[in-house]
Amino acid sequence: MAESMPNHDVVIEVLDARMPRSSENPVVTEIRRHKPCIKVLSKSDLADPARTKAWIELFENEIHPSPGDGMPPGKVVAIAITTNRPGEIRSRLPRIARQLSPARIKTPRAMVVGIPNVGKSTLINMLSNRKVAKTGDEPAVTKAQQTVTLDGMILSDNPGIMWPKIEDEEAGLRLGFGGAIPDTALDYETVAMWGAAYILEQYPHLLMTRYKLKALPETAEDLLFEIGKRRGGLRAGGKVDMHKASDALIHDFRQGALGRITLEAPPTRAPEDQ
């Protein structure tokens, strides 16, 4: 990606609207340097619309440091997309790419980047109006770079990449809960316990509706116990299969069955205090 960056006019970074900052790869920011960037918040139909709006405003108003080569940092435009309005995306994204590219090149070259399972291939298929990239509900479906020529834009698709080490434990739990990290690398119950605690605090009404709860559980463990009882996880002696309960909660979140949930709110402090 770093080697081919000079050959592109704009970077399209696909983020998960349910966790915009956690799904933002810091390596991409480092290697794009002064290239303009379109931050595409995918899966926005699954995210809290008020928080999506706040994240878009934050990304477009953030002050980025100069890359250090005397050139200013690249301009950032952020948009939210859903799969049920492909025509709007096909007209809007190439237009923004042309506006951001040097001298407003008629057919800009755009590099599409993002972490695994964030929706890059789905975006490319929408832009192409046909299936040119493999999609799936697991990370790492795209295996190699490919170039896609569209009417008004040339796209370079890249496999999803994670940065070398996730320093922020909370971010790692969000990524695991949302499906950016392979399930084989997760402690399912730990991830589900974190998700249960977060949703219990931020979106309790959605839990009450989805699982038909008569009263709100006090703790994340209590919530998973209730989910397990309702999802066939009850064992002999009144014990609950917590792995099965965890699987049910994680699956419901990833599929949007719980409702529109965002796993992190944008910071509210002034930029100089962040």
Protein backbone atom coordinates (compact mmCIF):
# COMPACT_ATOMS: atom_id res chain seq x y z
CA MET A 1 0.00 0.00 0.00
CA ALA A 2 2.79 2.42 0.89
CA GLU A 3 4.60 1.72 -2.39
CA SER A 4 1.51 2.29 -4.54
CA MET A 5 0.20 5.31 -2.60
CA PRO A 6 1.99 7.89 -4.81
CA ASN A 7 0.10 6.51 -7.83
CA HIS A 8 -3.28 7.36 -6.32
CA ASP A 9 -5.13 10.67 -6.06
CA VAL A 10 -7.37 9.96 -3.09
CA VAL A 11 -7.76 7.39 -0.30
CA ILE A 12 -11.13 5.85 0.51
CA GLU A 13 -10.94 4.51 4.05
CA VAL A 14 -13.91 2.32 4.97
CA LEU A 15 -14.85 2.40 8.67
CA ASP A 16 -17.49 0.56 10.65
CA ALA A 17 -20.12 3.14 11.63
CA ARG A 18 -20.76 1.18 14.82
CA MET A 19 -17.17 1.80 15.98
CA PRO A 20 -15.63 4.50 13.77
CA ARG A 21 -12.51 5.27 15.80
CA SER A 22 -11.74 1.69 16.77
CA SER A 23 -11.95 0.60 13.11
CA GLU A 24 -9.70 3.45 11.93
CA ASN A 25 -6.30 1.96 11.10
CA PRO A 26 -3.53 4.33 12.30
CA VAL A 27 -1.15 2.84 9.70
CA VAL A 28 -3.41 4.18 6.93
CA THR A 29 -3.20 7.70 8.36
CA GLU A 30 0.57 7.37 8.50
CA ILE A 31 1.10 6.19 4.92
CA ARG A 32 -1.46 8.41 3.18
CA ARG A 33 0.34 11.52 4.46
CA HIS A 34 -0.97 14.50 2.46
CA LYS A 35 -3.36 12.51 0.25
CA PRO A 36 -7.00 13.58 0.62
CA CYS A 37 -9.21 11.00 2.27
CA ILE A 38 -12.87 10.01 2.08
CA LYS A 39 -13.88 8.26 5.28
CA VAL A 40 -16.83 6.01 4.43
CA LEU A 41 -18.84 4.89 7.44
CA SER A 42 -20.28 1.57 6.33
CA LYS A 43 -23.07 -0.38 8.04
CA SER A 44 -24.62 2.91 9.09
CA ASP A 45 -28.07 1.31 8.93
CA LEU A 46 -26.96 -0.76 11.96
CA ALA A 47 -25.53 2.22 13.88
CA ASP A 48 -27.08 4.87 16.11
CA PRO A 49 -27.91 7.69 13.61
CA ALA A 50 -27.28 10.51 16.09
CA ARG A 51 -23.81 9.19 16.87
CA THR A 52 -23.05 8.61 13.20
CA LYS A 53 -23.81 12.27 12.51
CA ALA A 54 -21.56 13.32 15.39
CA TRP A 55 -18.69 11.12 14.12
CA ILE A 56 -18.94 12.59 10.62
CA GLU A 57 -18.69 16.11 12.04
CA LEU A 58 -15.71 15.10 14.17
CA PHE A 59 -13.77 13.52 11.28
CA GLU A 60 -14.29 16.52 9.01
CA ASN A 61 -13.23 19.02 11.68
CA GLU A 62 -10.28 17.18 13.18
CA ILE A 63 -6.95 18.94 12.99
CA HIS A 64 -4.26 16.60 11.69
CA PRO A 65 -0.53 17.28 12.05
CA SER A 66 1.55 17.99 8.97
CA PRO A 67 3.26 14.87 7.51
CA GLY A 68 6.56 16.66 8.07
CA ASP A 69 7.54 17.19 4.43
CA GLY A 70 6.34 20.77 4.24
CA MET A 71 3.00 19.81 2.73
CA PRO A 72 -0.31 20.22 4.59
CA PRO A 73 -2.26 17.15 5.73
CA GLY A 74 -4.85 15.86 3.28
CA LYS A 75 -8.42 17.10 3.48
CA VAL A 76 -10.93 14.66 4.96
CA VAL A 77 -14.55 14.21 3.89
CA ALA A 78 -16.73 11.75 5.81
CA ILE A 79 -19.94 10.13 4.59
CA ALA A 80 -22.25 7.38 5.87
CA ILE A 81 -23.56 4.71 3.51
CA THR A 82 -26.13 1.92 3.52
CA THR A 83 -26.62 -0.94 1.07
CA ASN A 84 -30.21 0.07 0.29
CA ARG A 85 -29.19 3.24 -1.61
CA PRO A 86 -26.52 2.05 -4.07
CA GLY A 87 -27.48 4.56 -6.76
CA GLU A 88 -26.75 7.47 -4.43
CA ILE A 89 -23.31 6.04 -3.61
CA ARG A 90 -22.46 5.47 -7.30
CA SER A 91 -23.10 9.14 -8.07
CA ARG A 92 -21.83 10.72 -4.87
CA LEU A 93 -18.51 8.98 -4.20
CA PRO A 94 -16.88 9.58 -7.63
CA ARG A 95 -17.99 13.22 -7.44
CA ILE A 96 -16.31 13.70 -4.06
CA ALA A 97 -13.17 11.91 -5.31
CA ARG A 98 -12.95 14.30 -8.27
CA GLN A 99 -13.42 17.32 -6.01
CA LEU A 100 -10.63 16.17 -3.68
CA SER A 101 -8.13 15.00 -6.30
CA PRO A 102 -5.40 17.36 -7.60
CA ALA A 103 -6.67 19.65 -10.35
CA ARG A 104 -9.98 17.79 -10.13
CA ILE A 105 -8.86 14.96 -12.38
CA LYS A 106 -11.73 13.61 -14.48
CA THR A 107 -11.01 9.97 -13.60
CA PRO A 108 -9.24 9.93 -10.21
CA ARG A 109 -7.45 6.84 -8.94
CA ALA A 110 -8.69 5.89 -5.48
CA MET A 111 -7.17 3.40 -3.06
CA VAL A 112 -9.78 1.57 -0.96
CA VAL A 113 -8.45 0.54 2.45
CA GLY A 114 -9.78 -0.61 5.80
CA ILE A 115 -9.61 -3.29 8.45
CA PRO A 116 -11.02 -6.81 7.84
CA ASN A 117 -14.78 -7.31 7.53
CA VAL A 118 -15.53 -3.58 7.49
CA GLY A 119 -17.40 -3.57 4.17
CA LYS A 120 -14.81 -2.68 1.51
CA SER A 121 -15.90 -5.40 -0.93
CA THR A 122 -19.56 -4.54 -0.44
CA LEU A 123 -18.77 -0.89 -1.26
CA ILE A 124 -16.86 -1.85 -4.41
CA ASN A 125 -19.70 -4.09 -5.58
CA MET A 126 -22.18 -1.25 -5.03
CA LEU A 127 -20.02 1.17 -7.00
CA SER A 128 -19.57 -1.37 -9.80
CA ASN A 129 -23.25 -2.34 -9.81
CA ARG A 130 -22.11 -5.95 -10.09
CA LYS A 131 -20.22 -8.49 -7.99
CA VAL A 132 -16.51 -7.93 -8.63
CA ALA A 133 -15.28 -8.52 -5.07
CA LYS A 134 -15.97 -11.42 -2.73
CA THR A 135 -17.98 -10.63 0.37
CA GLY A 136 -18.66 -12.58 3.54
CA ASP A 137 -19.56 -12.28 7.20
CA GLU A 138 -16.03 -13.18 8.29
CA PRO A 139 -12.84 -11.10 8.23
CA ALA A 140 -10.12 -11.56 5.58
CA VAL A 141 -12.32 -12.52 2.59
CA THR A 142 -10.26 -10.38 0.19
CA LYS A 143 -6.86 -12.03 -0.30
CA ALA A 144 -5.04 -9.85 -2.86
CA GLN A 145 -5.03 -6.40 -4.47
CA GLN A 146 -7.26 -5.82 -7.49
CA THR A 147 -8.08 -2.86 -9.73
CA VAL A 148 -11.65 -2.01 -10.72
CA THR A 149 -12.39 0.56 -13.45
CA LEU A 150 -15.65 2.45 -13.02
CA ASP A 151 -17.39 5.24 -14.85
CA GLY A 152 -15.56 8.24 -13.39
CA MET A 153 -13.14 6.53 -11.03
CA ILE A 154 -10.50 3.78 -10.87
CA LEU A 155 -10.45 1.79 -7.64
CA SER A 156 -7.60 -0.18 -6.13
CA ASP A 157 -8.97 -2.71 -3.64
CA ASN A 158 -6.74 -4.06 -0.89
CA PRO A 159 -7.08 -6.88 1.64
CA GLY A 160 -8.20 -5.76 5.07
CA ILE A 161 -5.26 -5.13 7.36
CA MET A 162 -4.98 -4.65 11.09
CA TRP A 163 -2.20 -2.63 12.68
CA PRO A 164 0.56 -4.65 14.39
CA LYS A 165 -0.71 -4.36 17.95
CA ILE A 166 -4.00 -3.15 19.41
CA GLU A 167 -2.88 -1.08 22.40
CA ASP A 168 -6.37 -0.05 23.51
CA GLU A 169 -8.11 -3.01 25.21
CA GLU A 170 -11.53 -1.39 24.81
CA ALA A 171 -10.96 -0.98 21.08
CA GLY A 172 -9.94 -4.61 20.82
CA LEU A 173 -13.15 -5.70 22.54
CA ARG A 174 -15.22 -3.55 20.19
CA LEU A 175 -13.46 -5.03 17.16
CA GLY A 176 -14.03 -8.54 18.48
CA PHE A 177 -17.69 -7.89 19.29
CA GLY A 178 -18.28 -6.42 15.82
CA GLY A 179 -16.53 -9.21 13.91
CA ALA A 180 -13.32 -7.56 12.69
CA ILE A 181 -11.20 -10.16 14.49
CA PRO A 182 -11.66 -13.87 13.65
CA ASP A 183 -13.80 -15.69 16.19
CA THR A 184 -11.07 -18.31 16.56
CA ALA A 185 -8.84 -15.61 18.10
CA LEU A 186 -11.44 -14.48 20.64
CA ASP A 187 -12.43 -15.45 24.14
CA TYR A 188 -16.12 -15.40 23.22
CA GLU A 189 -17.43 -15.06 26.76
CA THR A 190 -15.10 -12.17 27.62
CA VAL A 191 -16.10 -10.28 24.47
CA ALA A 192 -19.80 -10.97 25.03
CA MET A 193 -19.54 -9.89 28.67
CA TRP A 194 -18.08 -6.57 27.57
CA GLY A 195 -20.79 -6.11 24.93
CA ALA A 196 -23.53 -7.04 27.37
CA ALA A 197 -22.29 -4.47 29.90
CA TYR A 198 -22.04 -1.74 27.28
CA ILE A 199 -25.47 -2.29 25.73
CA LEU A 200 -27.02 -2.69 29.17
CA GLU A 201 -25.74 0.79 30.04
CA GLN A 202 -26.28 2.57 26.72
CA TYR A 203 -29.25 0.86 25.05
CA PRO A 204 -31.22 -1.02 27.75
CA HIS A 205 -34.57 -0.53 25.97
CA LEU A 206 -33.32 -2.50 22.96
CA LEU A 207 -32.44 -5.45 25.20
CA MET A 208 -35.86 -5.38 26.86
CA THR A 209 -37.56 -5.51 23.46
CA ARG A 210 -35.34 -8.11 21.79
CA TYR A 211 -35.30 -10.64 24.61
CA LYS A 212 -38.78 -9.85 25.98
CA LEU A 213 -37.42 -9.13 29.45
CA LYS A 214 -39.84 -8.23 32.21
CA ALA A 215 -37.14 -6.48 34.21
CA LEU A 216 -33.72 -5.15 33.30
CA PRO A 217 -30.88 -7.39 34.59
CA GLU A 218 -28.51 -5.68 36.98
CA THR A 219 -25.25 -7.05 35.56
CA ALA A 220 -23.82 -8.28 32.28
CA GLU A 221 -23.62 -11.81 33.68
CA ASP A 222 -27.31 -11.66 34.66
CA LEU A 223 -28.16 -10.51 31.14
CA LEU A 224 -26.28 -13.39 29.51
CA PHE A 225 -28.01 -15.77 31.91
CA GLU A 226 -31.41 -14.48 30.78
CA ILE A 227 -30.42 -14.69 27.11
CA GLY A 228 -29.20 -18.25 27.61
CA LYS A 229 -32.49 -19.31 29.19
CA ARG A 230 -34.41 -17.90 26.22
CA ARG A 231 -32.09 -19.28 23.54
CA GLY A 232 -31.90 -22.96 24.44
CA GLY A 233 -28.84 -22.64 26.63
CA LEU A 234 -30.41 -23.91 29.82
CA ARG A 235 -28.76 -27.09 31.13
CA ALA A 236 -29.78 -29.60 33.76
CA GLY A 237 -29.77 -28.17 37.25
CA GLY A 238 -30.69 -24.68 36.06
CA LYS A 239 -27.23 -23.87 34.75
CA VAL A 240 -26.83 -21.82 31.58
CA ASP A 241 -24.41 -22.55 28.75
CA MET A 242 -22.64 -19.15 28.78
CA HIS A 243 -20.86 -19.82 25.51
CA LYS A 244 -24.19 -20.36 23.78
CA ALA A 245 -25.62 -17.25 25.43
CA SER A 246 -22.55 -15.27 24.35
CA ASP A 247 -22.90 -16.52 20.80
CA ALA A 248 -26.56 -15.44 20.73
CA LEU A 249 -25.80 -11.89 21.90
CA ILE A 250 -22.84 -11.42 19.54
CA HIS A 251 -24.80 -12.82 16.58
CA ASP A 252 -27.80 -10.57 17.33
CA PHE A 253 -25.57 -7.50 17.48
CA ARG A 254 -23.67 -8.28 14.28
CA GLN A 255 -26.90 -8.96 12.37
CA GLY A 256 -28.59 -5.80 13.65
CA ALA A 257 -31.31 -7.81 15.39
CA LEU A 258 -30.91 -5.77 18.58
CA GLY A 259 -31.48 -2.46 16.83
CA ARG A 260 -29.25 0.44 15.85
CA ILE A 261 -26.28 0.49 18.22
CA THR A 262 -22.95 2.35 18.16
CA LEU A 263 -20.24 0.98 20.43
CA GLU A 264 -18.39 4.26 21.02
CA ALA A 265 -19.30 7.91 21.19
CA PRO A 266 -17.12 10.66 19.72
CA PRO A 267 -15.13 12.64 22.28
CA THR A 268 -16.83 15.79 23.47
CA ARG A 269 -13.77 17.59 24.83
CA ALA A 270 -12.12 20.43 22.92
CA PRO A 271 -9.39 19.29 20.46
CA GLU A 272 -6.63 20.92 22.49
CA ASP A 273 -7.66 18.86 25.54
CA GLN A 274 -7.89 15.50 23.78
